[in-house]
């Protein structure tokens, strides 16, 4: 009988992603959906004492028919207001900033997602401030990755090498639109999975 202790050393390769159904949002964001389980990550990246300009990132995920998707999961990751990543739990506690958030689209009005965070600083010289985005949803065999840039950072955006690599006609799909309301500063970023205004996704 072959046991795990005397088996030859195996070389495991990357496994494929699986399509995402409605259960996926429940499992990854159980608190948001009212389940008595703790979510590992929430849509709140920044506590009140976190340094920087506190903002909301909100939007919808649209399918190829222009319908808002109610079972998508949106994840974002970013550096802090000084352009520094958060690498440790001690750093999270000290800065009041996690750097990573997750939100399902099935509980907010009109299938929105919404994050509470701070506007990131530039991670390196020559780069514009941006937030990494990841979407999983029904029918997708692979996660889709995008970036969220800010429409009020025109000078920085013009010199960003990644944004410059995107065809000019499609760069607007990566820009979040700033507004100010009773809740403070908000950036709107809709994600379109298909169609003439499809969001730019990156092959990572």
C-alpha atoms as a PDB file:
ATOM      1  CA  UNK A   1       0.000   0.000   0.000  1.00  0.00           C
ATOM      2  CA  UNK A   2       1.334   3.412  -0.928  1.00  0.00           C
ATOM      3  CA  UNK A   3       1.132   6.004   1.812  1.00  0.00           C
ATOM      4  CA  UNK A   4       1.659   9.739   1.774  1.00  0.00           C
ATOM      5  CA  UNK A   5       4.971   9.299   3.570  1.00  0.00           C
ATOM      6  CA  UNK A   6       6.555   7.039   0.949  1.00  0.00           C
ATOM      7  CA  UNK A   7       5.020   8.499  -2.198  1.00  0.00           C
ATOM      8  CA  UNK A   8       7.417  10.082  -4.684  1.00  0.00           C
ATOM      9  CA  UNK A   9       7.510  13.843  -4.453  1.00  0.00           C
ATOM     10  CA  UNK A  10       4.660  15.271  -6.518  1.00  0.00           C
ATOM     11  CA  UNK A  11       4.843  18.452  -8.524  1.00  0.00           C
ATOM     12  CA  UNK A  12       1.479  20.098  -8.352  1.00  0.00           C
ATOM     13  CA  UNK A  13       0.432  22.526 -11.042  1.00  0.00           C
ATOM     14  CA  UNK A  14      -2.073  25.340 -10.977  1.00  0.00           C
ATOM     15  CA  UNK A  15      -5.675  24.166 -10.982  1.00  0.00           C
ATOM     16  CA  UNK A  16      -8.332  25.857 -13.117  1.00  0.00           C
ATOM     17  CA  UNK A  17     -10.869  28.259 -11.692  1.00  0.00           C
ATOM     18  CA  UNK A  18     -14.489  27.171 -11.576  1.00  0.00           C
ATOM     19  CA  UNK A  19     -17.609  28.948 -12.672  1.00  0.00           C
ATOM     20  CA  UNK A  20     -19.182  31.066  -9.954  1.00  0.00           C
ATOM     21  CA  UNK A  21     -22.811  30.722  -8.959  1.00  0.00           C
ATOM     22  CA  UNK A  22     -24.929  32.610  -6.419  1.00  0.00           C
ATOM     23  CA  UNK A  23     -23.520  30.467  -3.614  1.00  0.00           C
ATOM     24  CA  UNK A  24     -20.108  32.014  -4.130  1.00  0.00           C
ATOM     25  CA  UNK A  25     -21.109  35.441  -2.857  1.00  0.00           C
ATOM     26  CA  UNK A  26     -22.772  33.866   0.164  1.00  0.00           C
ATOM     27  CA  UNK A  27     -19.634  31.926   1.018  1.00  0.00           C
ATOM     28  CA  UNK A  28     -17.127  34.751   0.571  1.00  0.00           C
ATOM     29  CA  UNK A  29     -19.220  37.526   2.133  1.00  0.00           C
ATOM     30  CA  UNK A  30     -21.527  35.681   4.594  1.00  0.00           C
ATOM     31  CA  UNK A  31     -22.038  38.626   6.955  1.00  0.00           C
ATOM     32  CA  UNK A  32     -23.193  40.820   4.094  1.00  0.00           C
ATOM     33  CA  UNK A  33     -25.844  38.238   3.230  1.00  0.00           C
ATOM     34  CA  UNK A  34     -27.030  37.814   6.828  1.00  0.00           C
ATOM     35  CA  UNK A  35     -25.381  34.496   7.641  1.00  0.00           C
ATOM     36  CA  UNK A  36     -24.044  33.825  11.126  1.00  0.00           C
ATOM     37  CA  UNK A  37     -20.483  33.384   9.906  1.00  0.00           C
ATOM     38  CA  UNK A  38     -17.600  35.811   9.969  1.00  0.00           C
ATOM     39  CA  UNK A  39     -16.441  37.265   6.667  1.00  0.00           C
ATOM     40  CA  UNK A  40     -12.674  37.215   6.251  1.00  0.00           C
ATOM     41  CA  UNK A  41     -12.813  40.533   4.382  1.00  0.00           C
ATOM     42  CA  UNK A  42     -15.407  43.269   4.252  1.00  0.00           C
ATOM     43  CA  UNK A  43     -16.130  46.261   2.001  1.00  0.00           C
ATOM     44  CA  UNK A  44     -14.558  48.543   4.629  1.00  0.00           C
ATOM     45  CA  UNK A  45     -10.833  48.938   4.047  1.00  0.00           C
ATOM     46  CA  UNK A  46     -10.270  52.072   6.120  1.00  0.00           C
ATOM     47  CA  UNK A  47     -11.164  52.826   9.715  1.00  0.00           C
ATOM     48  CA  UNK A  48     -11.896  56.415  10.789  1.00  0.00           C
ATOM     49  CA  UNK A  49      -8.314  57.043  11.934  1.00  0.00           C
ATOM     50  CA  UNK A  50      -6.730  55.882   8.669  1.00  0.00           C
ATOM     51  CA  UNK A  51      -4.620  58.633   7.068  1.00  0.00           C
ATOM     52  CA  UNK A  52      -5.642  60.137   3.763  1.00  0.00           C
ATOM     53  CA  UNK A  53      -8.776  61.248   1.940  1.00  0.00           C
ATOM     54  CA  UNK A  54     -11.628  58.922   2.839  1.00  0.00           C
ATOM     55  CA  UNK A  55     -13.681  57.952  -0.196  1.00  0.00           C
ATOM     56  CA  UNK A  56     -16.338  55.524  -1.376  1.00  0.00           C
ATOM     57  CA  UNK A  57     -15.949  53.378  -4.473  1.00  0.00           C
ATOM     58  CA  UNK A  58     -19.282  52.244  -5.833  1.00  0.00           C
ATOM     59  CA  UNK A  59     -20.771  50.891  -9.031  1.00  0.00           C
ATOM     60  CA  UNK A  60     -22.502  47.981 -10.700  1.00  0.00           C
ATOM     61  CA  UNK A  61     -21.408  44.955 -12.685  1.00  0.00           C
ATOM     62  CA  UNK A  62     -23.238  44.636 -16.012  1.00  0.00           C
ATOM     63  CA  UNK A  63     -23.495  41.540 -18.179  1.00  0.00           C
ATOM     64  CA  UNK A  64     -23.424  41.451 -21.977  1.00  0.00           C
ATOM     65  CA  UNK A  65     -27.121  42.344 -22.146  1.00  0.00           C
ATOM     66  CA  UNK A  66     -26.667  45.458 -20.040  1.00  0.00           C
ATOM     67  CA  UNK A  67     -28.341  43.895 -16.999  1.00  0.00           C
ATOM     68  CA  UNK A  68     -26.864  44.428 -13.547  1.00  0.00           C
ATOM     69  CA  UNK A  69     -25.463  41.220 -12.062  1.00  0.00           C
ATOM     70  CA  UNK A  70     -26.811  40.290  -8.636  1.00  0.00           C
ATOM     71  CA  UNK A  71     -24.393  37.501  -7.745  1.00  0.00           C
ATOM     72  CA  UNK A  72     -21.000  38.961  -8.599  1.00  0.00           C
ATOM     73  CA  UNK A  73     -18.176  39.364  -6.111  1.00  0.00           C
ATOM     74  CA  UNK A  74     -15.909  42.391  -6.479  1.00  0.00           C
ATOM     75  CA  UNK A  75     -12.540  42.479  -4.731  1.00  0.00           C
ATOM     76  CA  UNK A  76     -10.192  45.448  -4.555  1.00  0.00           C
ATOM     77  CA  UNK A  77      -6.631  45.839  -3.320  1.00  0.00           C
ATOM     78  CA  UNK A  78      -4.552  48.977  -3.043  1.00  0.00           C
ATOM     79  CA  UNK A  79      -1.745  50.826  -1.347  1.00  0.00           C
ATOM     80  CA  UNK A  80      -2.454  53.402   1.353  1.00  0.00           C
ATOM     81  CA  UNK A  81      -2.594  57.178   0.966  1.00  0.00           C
ATOM     82  CA  UNK A  82       1.203  57.347   1.087  1.00  0.00           C
ATOM     83  CA  UNK A  83       1.603  54.754  -1.654  1.00  0.00           C
ATOM     84  CA  UNK A  84       2.707  52.043   0.776  1.00  0.00           C
ATOM     85  CA  UNK A  85       1.308  48.481   0.891  1.00  0.00           C
ATOM     86  CA  UNK A  86      -0.036  46.979   4.103  1.00  0.00           C
ATOM     87  CA  UNK A  87       1.801  43.716   4.688  1.00  0.00           C
ATOM     88  CA  UNK A  88       1.140  42.638   8.280  1.00  0.00           C
ATOM     89  CA  UNK A  89      -1.669  42.461  10.835  1.00  0.00           C
ATOM     90  CA  UNK A  90       0.332  44.847  13.000  1.00  0.00           C
ATOM     91  CA  UNK A  91       0.380  47.275  10.105  1.00  0.00           C
ATOM     92  CA  UNK A  92      -3.393  46.979   9.696  1.00  0.00           C
ATOM     93  CA  UNK A  93      -3.915  47.828  13.351  1.00  0.00           C
ATOM     94  CA  UNK A  94      -1.451  50.706  13.338  1.00  0.00           C
ATOM     95  CA  UNK A  95      -2.714  52.315  10.137  1.00  0.00           C
ATOM     96  CA  UNK A  96      -6.386  51.388  10.437  1.00  0.00           C
ATOM     97  CA  UNK A  97      -6.193  50.240   6.842  1.00  0.00           C
ATOM     98  CA  UNK A  98      -6.359  46.708   5.426  1.00  0.00           C
ATOM     99  CA  UNK A  99      -5.561  47.325   1.764  1.00  0.00           C
ATOM    100  CA  UNK A 100      -8.013  44.611   0.642  1.00  0.00           C
ATOM    101  CA  UNK A 101     -11.801  44.521   0.444  1.00  0.00           C
ATOM    102  CA  UNK A 102     -14.545  42.245  -0.841  1.00  0.00           C
ATOM    103  CA  UNK A 103     -18.185  42.991  -1.655  1.00  0.00           C
ATOM    104  CA  UNK A 104     -21.047  41.027  -3.197  1.00  0.00           C
ATOM    105  CA  UNK A 105     -23.569  42.751  -5.437  1.00  0.00           C
ATOM    106  CA  UNK A 106     -26.709  41.013  -4.205  1.00  0.00           C
ATOM    107  CA  UNK A 107     -27.722  43.032  -1.141  1.00  0.00           C
ATOM    108  CA  UNK A 108     -27.428  46.708  -2.104  1.00  0.00           C
ATOM    109  CA  UNK A 109     -29.985  48.653  -4.136  1.00  0.00           C
ATOM    110  CA  UNK A 110     -29.878  47.916  -7.877  1.00  0.00           C
ATOM    111  CA  UNK A 111     -27.140  45.338  -7.313  1.00  0.00           C
ATOM    112  CA  UNK A 112     -24.476  47.866  -6.425  1.00  0.00           C
ATOM    113  CA  UNK A 113     -21.162  47.184  -4.753  1.00  0.00           C
ATOM    114  CA  UNK A 114     -19.673  49.777  -2.384  1.00  0.00           C
ATOM    115  CA  UNK A 115     -16.323  50.116  -0.625  1.00  0.00           C
ATOM    116  CA  UNK A 116     -15.185  52.484   2.111  1.00  0.00           C
ATOM    117  CA  UNK A 117     -11.495  53.231   1.691  1.00  0.00           C
ATOM    118  CA  UNK A 118      -8.930  55.996   1.261  1.00  0.00           C
ATOM    119  CA  UNK A 119      -7.684  57.361  -2.006  1.00  0.00           C
ATOM    120  CA  UNK A 120      -4.373  55.645  -2.731  1.00  0.00           C
ATOM    121  CA  UNK A 121      -1.124  57.436  -3.309  1.00  0.00           C
ATOM    122  CA  UNK A 122       1.136  56.625  -6.236  1.00  0.00           C
ATOM    123  CA  UNK A 123       2.854  53.274  -5.632  1.00  0.00           C
ATOM    124  CA  UNK A 124       5.950  54.336  -7.604  1.00  0.00           C
ATOM    125  CA  UNK A 125       7.352  57.301  -9.460  1.00  0.00           C
ATOM    126  CA  UNK A 126       5.677  57.809 -12.826  1.00  0.00           C
ATOM    127  CA  UNK A 127       2.560  55.897 -11.842  1.00  0.00           C
ATOM    128  CA  UNK A 128      -0.904  57.328 -11.292  1.00  0.00           C
ATOM    129  CA  UNK A 129      -2.928  56.364  -8.217  1.00  0.00           C
ATOM    130  CA  UNK A 130      -4.998  53.262  -8.917  1.00  0.00           C
ATOM    131  CA  UNK A 131      -6.859  50.408  -7.276  1.00  0.00           C
ATOM    132  CA  UNK A 132      -6.667  46.802  -8.436  1.00  0.00           C
ATOM    133  CA  UNK A 133     -10.023  45.165  -9.122  1.00  0.00           C
ATOM    134  CA  UNK A 134     -11.082  41.543  -9.494  1.00  0.00           C
ATOM    135  CA  UNK A 135     -14.514  40.211 -10.495  1.00  0.00           C
ATOM    136  CA  UNK A 136     -15.949  36.730 -10.161  1.00  0.00           C
ATOM    137  CA  UNK A 137     -19.494  35.907 -11.223  1.00  0.00           C
ATOM    138  CA  UNK A 138     -21.725  33.291 -12.759  1.00  0.00           C
ATOM    139  CA  UNK A 139     -20.534  31.927 -16.065  1.00  0.00           C
ATOM    140  CA  UNK A 140     -16.900  32.965 -15.627  1.00  0.00           C
ATOM    141  CA  UNK A 141     -14.310  30.214 -15.716  1.00  0.00           C
ATOM    142  CA  UNK A 142     -11.545  32.668 -14.828  1.00  0.00           C
ATOM    143  CA  UNK A 143     -11.465  35.698 -12.585  1.00  0.00           C
ATOM    144  CA  UNK A 144     -11.251  38.998 -14.451  1.00  0.00           C
ATOM    145  CA  UNK A 145      -8.749  41.641 -13.382  1.00  0.00           C
ATOM    146  CA  UNK A 146      -8.921  45.362 -13.998  1.00  0.00           C
ATOM    147  CA  UNK A 147      -7.699  48.660 -12.586  1.00  0.00           C
ATOM    148  CA  UNK A 148      -9.572  51.643 -11.221  1.00  0.00           C
ATOM    149  CA  UNK A 149      -7.984  55.005 -12.017  1.00  0.00           C
ATOM    150  CA  UNK A 150      -9.404  58.375 -10.982  1.00  0.00           C
ATOM    151  CA  UNK A 151     -10.782  60.930 -13.418  1.00  0.00           C
ATOM    152  CA  UNK A 152      -9.483  63.859 -11.332  1.00  0.00           C
ATOM    153  CA  UNK A 153      -5.857  62.704 -11.734  1.00  0.00           C
ATOM    154  CA  UNK A 154      -5.495  63.777 -15.365  1.00  0.00           C
ATOM    155  CA  UNK A 155      -1.809  64.760 -15.173  1.00  0.00           C
ATOM    156  CA  UNK A 156      -0.751  61.568 -13.403  1.00  0.00           C
ATOM    157  CA  UNK A 157      -2.944  59.432 -15.657  1.00  0.00           C
ATOM    158  CA  UNK A 158      -1.307  60.879 -18.764  1.00  0.00           C
ATOM    159  CA  UNK A 159       2.093  59.514 -17.722  1.00  0.00           C
ATOM    160  CA  UNK A 160       1.033  56.171 -16.259  1.00  0.00           C
ATOM    161  CA  UNK A 161       2.703  53.394 -18.299  1.00  0.00           C
ATOM    162  CA  UNK A 162      -0.060  50.817 -17.853  1.00  0.00           C
ATOM    163  CA  UNK A 163      -2.827  53.239 -18.751  1.00  0.00           C
ATOM    164  CA  UNK A 164      -0.781  54.391 -21.741  1.00  0.00           C
ATOM    165  CA  UNK A 165      -0.599  50.782 -22.977  1.00  0.00           C
ATOM    166  CA  UNK A 166      -4.399  50.695 -23.312  1.00  0.00           C
ATOM    167  CA  UNK A 167      -5.857  51.938 -26.625  1.00  0.00           C
ATOM    168  CA  UNK A 168      -6.858  55.556 -26.134  1.00  0.00           C
ATOM    169  CA  UNK A 169     -10.478  54.915 -27.103  1.00  0.00           C
ATOM    170  CA  UNK A 170     -10.834  52.399 -24.260  1.00  0.00           C
ATOM    171  CA  UNK A 171      -9.033  54.188 -21.429  1.00  0.00           C
ATOM    172  CA  UNK A 172     -12.247  55.786 -20.193  1.00  0.00           C
ATOM    173  CA  UNK A 173     -13.462  52.334 -19.102  1.00  0.00           C
ATOM    174  CA  UNK A 174     -10.759  52.399 -16.422  1.00  0.00           C
ATOM    175  CA  UNK A 175     -11.660  55.813 -14.995  1.00  0.00           C
ATOM    176  CA  UNK A 176     -13.795  56.216 -11.887  1.00  0.00           C
ATOM    177  CA  UNK A 177     -15.887  59.395 -11.847  1.00  0.00           C
ATOM    178  CA  UNK A 178     -15.674  61.651  -8.811  1.00  0.00           C
ATOM    179  CA  UNK A 179     -18.684  63.254  -7.132  1.00  0.00           C
ATOM    180  CA  UNK A 180     -19.436  64.734  -3.732  1.00  0.00           C
ATOM    181  CA  UNK A 181     -22.642  64.112  -1.826  1.00  0.00           C
ATOM    182  CA  UNK A 182     -23.894  63.990   1.742  1.00  0.00           C
ATOM    183  CA  UNK A 183     -21.734  60.937   2.401  1.00  0.00           C
ATOM    184  CA  UNK A 184     -18.541  62.647   1.250  1.00  0.00           C
ATOM    185  CA  UNK A 185     -16.378  61.926  -1.778  1.00  0.00           C
ATOM    186  CA  UNK A 186     -17.577  59.106  -3.996  1.00  0.00           C
ATOM    187  CA  UNK A 187     -16.067  57.568  -7.138  1.00  0.00           C
ATOM    188  CA  UNK A 188     -18.369  55.696  -9.498  1.00  0.00           C
ATOM    189  CA  UNK A 189     -16.873  52.752 -11.371  1.00  0.00           C
ATOM    190  CA  UNK A 190     -19.179  50.491 -13.372  1.00  0.00           C
ATOM    191  CA  UNK A 191     -17.783  47.195 -14.662  1.00  0.00           C
ATOM    192  CA  UNK A 192     -19.093  46.016 -18.021  1.00  0.00           C
ATOM    193  CA  UNK A 193     -18.261  42.407 -18.791  1.00  0.00           C
ATOM    194  CA  UNK A 194     -19.085  42.547 -22.518  1.00  0.00           C
ATOM    195  CA  UNK A 195     -20.364  44.887 -25.201  1.00  0.00           C
ATOM    196  CA  UNK A 196     -19.132  48.005 -26.996  1.00  0.00           C
ATOM    197  CA  UNK A 197     -18.161  49.705 -23.717  1.00  0.00           C
ATOM    198  CA  UNK A 198     -16.584  46.580 -22.184  1.00  0.00           C
ATOM    199  CA  UNK A 199     -14.232  47.354 -19.313  1.00  0.00           C
ATOM    200  CA  UNK A 200     -10.572  46.739 -20.049  1.00  0.00           C
ATOM    201  CA  UNK A 201      -9.408  43.544 -18.343  1.00  0.00           C
ATOM    202  CA  UNK A 202      -5.805  42.493 -17.916  1.00  0.00           C
ATOM    203  CA  UNK A 203      -4.299  39.067 -18.592  1.00  0.00           C
ATOM    204  CA  UNK A 204      -2.528  38.243 -15.332  1.00  0.00           C
END
